[in-house]
Amino acid sequence: MSLSRVNARGSRSISLSNVHLLLTELFTEGSADARRDYLYYMAVGFAKLKDYDKAIHLIDGVLSHEPANHQALNLKSEIQKRRQQDGFIGMAIVGGIGAVAVAGLVSLGIALTRK
């Protein structure tokens, strides 16, 4: 499979399934060094898509063969940091929505008791 099949006629939108097919083919046909690079860059891609579980899984694949790979260790640390930050942001959003809902219910209760 060539990149021209994935990105026909210069289209800017490449579906994830086509990218997955391309990378799978490259991974199965590549050398050990190439496979390491594919895993690493797939982990980078999933991290950018905020799919941190897949990114960690892929980077763990690199580290299982090269436990001292500094680039992979640094990427794993960065992914874990971003996953934690996104979790805090999500909790803050949910907390803010909850506070607004409680304030609305209290205001409604006060308005109903004044009638």
C-alpha atoms as a PDB file:
ATOM      1  CA  MET A   1       0.000   0.000   0.000  1.00  0.00           C
ATOM      2  CA  SER A   2       1.412   3.384  -0.813  1.00  0.00           C
ATOM      3  CA  LEU A   3       0.725   6.781   0.585  1.00  0.00           C
ATOM      4  CA  SER A   4      -0.962   7.664  -2.712  1.00  0.00           C
ATOM      5  CA  ARG A   5      -3.688   5.119  -1.929  1.00  0.00           C
ATOM      6  CA  VAL A   6      -4.226   6.657   1.490  1.00  0.00           C
ATOM      7  CA  ASN A   7      -4.125  10.268   0.382  1.00  0.00           C
ATOM      8  CA  ALA A   8      -5.679  10.077  -3.065  1.00  0.00           C
ATOM      9  CA  ARG A   9      -5.615  13.243  -5.156  1.00  0.00           C
ATOM     10  CA  GLY A  10      -3.956  15.324  -2.454  1.00  0.00           C
ATOM     11  CA  SER A  11      -6.974  15.259  -0.181  1.00  0.00           C
ATOM     12  CA  ARG A  12      -6.199  16.816   3.186  1.00  0.00           C
ATOM     13  CA  SER A  13      -8.590  14.591   5.097  1.00  0.00           C
ATOM     14  CA  ILE A  14      -7.120  11.182   5.724  1.00  0.00           C
ATOM     15  CA  SER A  15      -9.338   8.777   7.600  1.00  0.00           C
ATOM     16  CA  LEU A  16      -7.896   7.141  10.682  1.00  0.00           C
ATOM     17  CA  SER A  17      -8.721   3.705   9.311  1.00  0.00           C
ATOM     18  CA  ASN A  18      -6.569   4.368   6.230  1.00  0.00           C
ATOM     19  CA  VAL A  19      -3.724   5.629   8.381  1.00  0.00           C
ATOM     20  CA  HIS A  20      -4.060   2.544  10.557  1.00  0.00           C
ATOM     21  CA  LEU A  21      -3.878   0.295   7.471  1.00  0.00           C
ATOM     22  CA  LEU A  22      -0.778   2.065   6.210  1.00  0.00           C
ATOM     23  CA  LEU A  23       1.003   1.918   9.547  1.00  0.00           C
ATOM     24  CA  THR A  24       0.070  -1.721  10.054  1.00  0.00           C
ATOM     25  CA  GLU A  25       1.562  -2.601   6.692  1.00  0.00           C
ATOM     26  CA  LEU A  26       4.700  -0.583   7.373  1.00  0.00           C
ATOM     27  CA  PHE A  27       5.000  -2.155  10.812  1.00  0.00           C
ATOM     28  CA  THR A  28       4.769  -5.737   9.563  1.00  0.00           C
ATOM     29  CA  GLU A  29       7.218  -5.172   6.718  1.00  0.00           C
ATOM     30  CA  GLY A  30       9.732  -2.987   8.543  1.00  0.00           C
ATOM     31  CA  SER A  31      12.920  -3.736  10.441  1.00  0.00           C
ATOM     32  CA  ALA A  32      13.083  -3.766  14.245  1.00  0.00           C
ATOM     33  CA  ASP A  33      14.324  -0.166  14.263  1.00  0.00           C
ATOM     34  CA  ALA A  34      11.526   0.870  11.927  1.00  0.00           C
ATOM     35  CA  ARG A  35       8.934  -0.871  14.138  1.00  0.00           C
ATOM     36  CA  ARG A  36      10.226   1.013  17.158  1.00  0.00           C
ATOM     37  CA  ASP A  37       9.904   4.283  15.268  1.00  0.00           C
ATOM     38  CA  TYR A  38       6.375   3.437  14.092  1.00  0.00           C
ATOM     39  CA  LEU A  39       5.278   2.614  17.635  1.00  0.00           C
ATOM     40  CA  TYR A  40       6.836   5.830  18.913  1.00  0.00           C
ATOM     41  CA  TYR A  41       5.215   8.049  16.279  1.00  0.00           C
ATOM     42  CA  MET A  42       1.868   6.290  16.619  1.00  0.00           C
ATOM     43  CA  ALA A  43       2.081   7.027  20.355  1.00  0.00           C
ATOM     44  CA  VAL A  44       2.781  10.688  19.557  1.00  0.00           C
ATOM     45  CA  GLY A  45      -0.244  10.747  17.244  1.00  0.00           C
ATOM     46  CA  PHE A  46      -2.584   9.186  19.793  1.00  0.00           C
ATOM     47  CA  ALA A  47      -1.305  11.592  22.457  1.00  0.00           C
ATOM     48  CA  LYS A  48      -2.112  14.529  20.168  1.00  0.00           C
ATOM     49  CA  LEU A  49      -5.586  13.061  19.678  1.00  0.00           C
ATOM     50  CA  LYS A  50      -5.823  12.858  23.490  1.00  0.00           C
ATOM     51  CA  ASP A  51      -6.222   9.079  23.402  1.00  0.00           C
ATOM     52  CA  TYR A  52      -3.760   8.690  26.243  1.00  0.00           C
ATOM     53  CA  ASP A  53      -4.497   5.019  26.978  1.00  0.00           C
ATOM     54  CA  LYS A  54      -3.532   3.943  23.441  1.00  0.00           C
ATOM     55  CA  ALA A  55      -0.519   6.247  23.496  1.00  0.00           C
ATOM     56  CA  ILE A  56       0.727   4.733  26.775  1.00  0.00           C
ATOM     57  CA  HIS A  57       0.107   1.214  25.449  1.00  0.00           C
ATOM     58  CA  LEU A  58       2.181   1.927  22.331  1.00  0.00           C
ATOM     59  CA  ILE A  59       5.016   3.633  24.168  1.00  0.00           C
ATOM     60  CA  ASP A  60       5.099   0.716  26.606  1.00  0.00           C
ATOM     61  CA  GLY A  61       5.672  -1.484  23.547  1.00  0.00           C
ATOM     62  CA  VAL A  62       8.786   0.530  22.737  1.00  0.00           C
ATOM     63  CA  LEU A  63       9.963   0.408  26.351  1.00  0.00           C
ATOM     64  CA  SER A  64       9.444  -3.359  26.602  1.00  0.00           C
ATOM     65  CA  HIS A  65      12.197  -3.798  24.009  1.00  0.00           C
ATOM     66  CA  GLU A  66      14.305  -0.780  24.983  1.00  0.00           C
ATOM     67  CA  PRO A  67      13.718   0.035  28.673  1.00  0.00           C
ATOM     68  CA  ALA A  68      16.416   2.723  28.666  1.00  0.00           C
ATOM     69  CA  ASN A  69      15.126   4.586  25.580  1.00  0.00           C
ATOM     70  CA  HIS A  70      15.235   8.174  26.870  1.00  0.00           C
ATOM     71  CA  GLN A  71      13.022   9.547  24.126  1.00  0.00           C
ATOM     72  CA  ALA A  72      10.292   6.983  24.898  1.00  0.00           C
ATOM     73  CA  LEU A  73      10.643   7.538  28.651  1.00  0.00           C
ATOM     74  CA  ASN A  74      10.283  11.298  28.177  1.00  0.00           C
ATOM     75  CA  LEU A  75       7.241  10.836  25.935  1.00  0.00           C
ATOM     76  CA  LYS A  76       5.591   8.514  28.463  1.00  0.00           C
ATOM     77  CA  SER A  77       6.177  11.066  31.209  1.00  0.00           C
ATOM     78  CA  GLU A  78       4.692  13.841  29.061  1.00  0.00           C
ATOM     79  CA  ILE A  79       1.641  11.715  28.159  1.00  0.00           C
ATOM     80  CA  GLN A  80       1.017  10.918  31.823  1.00  0.00           C
ATOM     81  CA  LYS A  81       1.342  14.602  32.726  1.00  0.00           C
ATOM     82  CA  ARG A  82      -1.127  15.640  30.013  1.00  0.00           C
ATOM     83  CA  ARG A  83      -3.586  12.903  30.985  1.00  0.00           C
ATOM     84  CA  GLN A  84      -3.503  14.181  34.563  1.00  0.00           C
ATOM     85  CA  GLN A  85      -3.948  17.817  33.456  1.00  0.00           C
ATOM     86  CA  ASP A  86      -6.872  16.903  31.206  1.00  0.00           C
ATOM     87  CA  GLY A  87      -8.416  15.000  34.115  1.00  0.00           C
ATOM     88  CA  PHE A  88      -8.155  18.072  36.349  1.00  0.00           C
ATOM     89  CA  ILE A  89      -9.696  20.267  33.655  1.00  0.00           C
ATOM     90  CA  GLY A  90     -12.543  17.778  33.218  1.00  0.00           C
ATOM     91  CA  MET A  91     -13.174  17.691  36.964  1.00  0.00           C
ATOM     92  CA  ALA A  92     -13.172  21.502  37.100  1.00  0.00           C
ATOM     93  CA  ILE A  93     -15.718  21.683  34.280  1.00  0.00           C
ATOM     94  CA  VAL A  94     -17.973  19.112  35.939  1.00  0.00           C
ATOM     95  CA  GLY A  95     -17.560  20.888  39.284  1.00  0.00           C
ATOM     96  CA  GLY A  96     -18.453  24.225  37.705  1.00  0.00           C
ATOM     97  CA  ILE A  97     -21.554  22.790  36.068  1.00  0.00           C
ATOM     98  CA  GLY A  98     -22.555  21.233  39.379  1.00  0.00           C
ATOM     99  CA  ALA A  99     -22.114  24.534  41.213  1.00  0.00           C
ATOM    100  CA  VAL A 100     -24.247  26.360  38.632  1.00  0.00           C
ATOM    101  CA  ALA A 101     -26.945  23.683  38.920  1.00  0.00           C
ATOM    102  CA  VAL A 102     -26.984  23.932  42.732  1.00  0.00           C
ATOM    103  CA  ALA A 103     -27.131  27.737  42.573  1.00  0.00           C
ATOM    104  CA  GLY A 104     -30.025  27.508  40.117  1.00  0.00           C
ATOM    105  CA  LEU A 105     -31.918  25.111  42.370  1.00  0.00           C
ATOM    106  CA  VAL A 106     -31.355  27.315  45.419  1.00  0.00           C
ATOM    107  CA  SER A 107     -32.545  30.386  43.488  1.00  0.00           C
ATOM    108  CA  LEU A 108     -35.613  28.473  42.322  1.00  0.00           C
ATOM    109  CA  GLY A 109     -36.339  27.352  45.871  1.00  0.00           C
ATOM    110  CA  ILE A 110     -36.058  30.924  47.175  1.00  0.00           C
ATOM    111  CA  ALA A 111     -38.292  32.253  44.392  1.00  0.00           C
ATOM    112  CA  LEU A 112     -40.932  29.609  45.089  1.00  0.00           C
ATOM    113  CA  THR A 113     -40.952  30.288  48.839  1.00  0.00           C
ATOM    114  CA  ARG A 114     -41.506  34.040  48.302  1.00  0.00           C
ATOM    115  CA  LYS A 115     -44.741  33.500  46.387  1.00  0.00           C
END
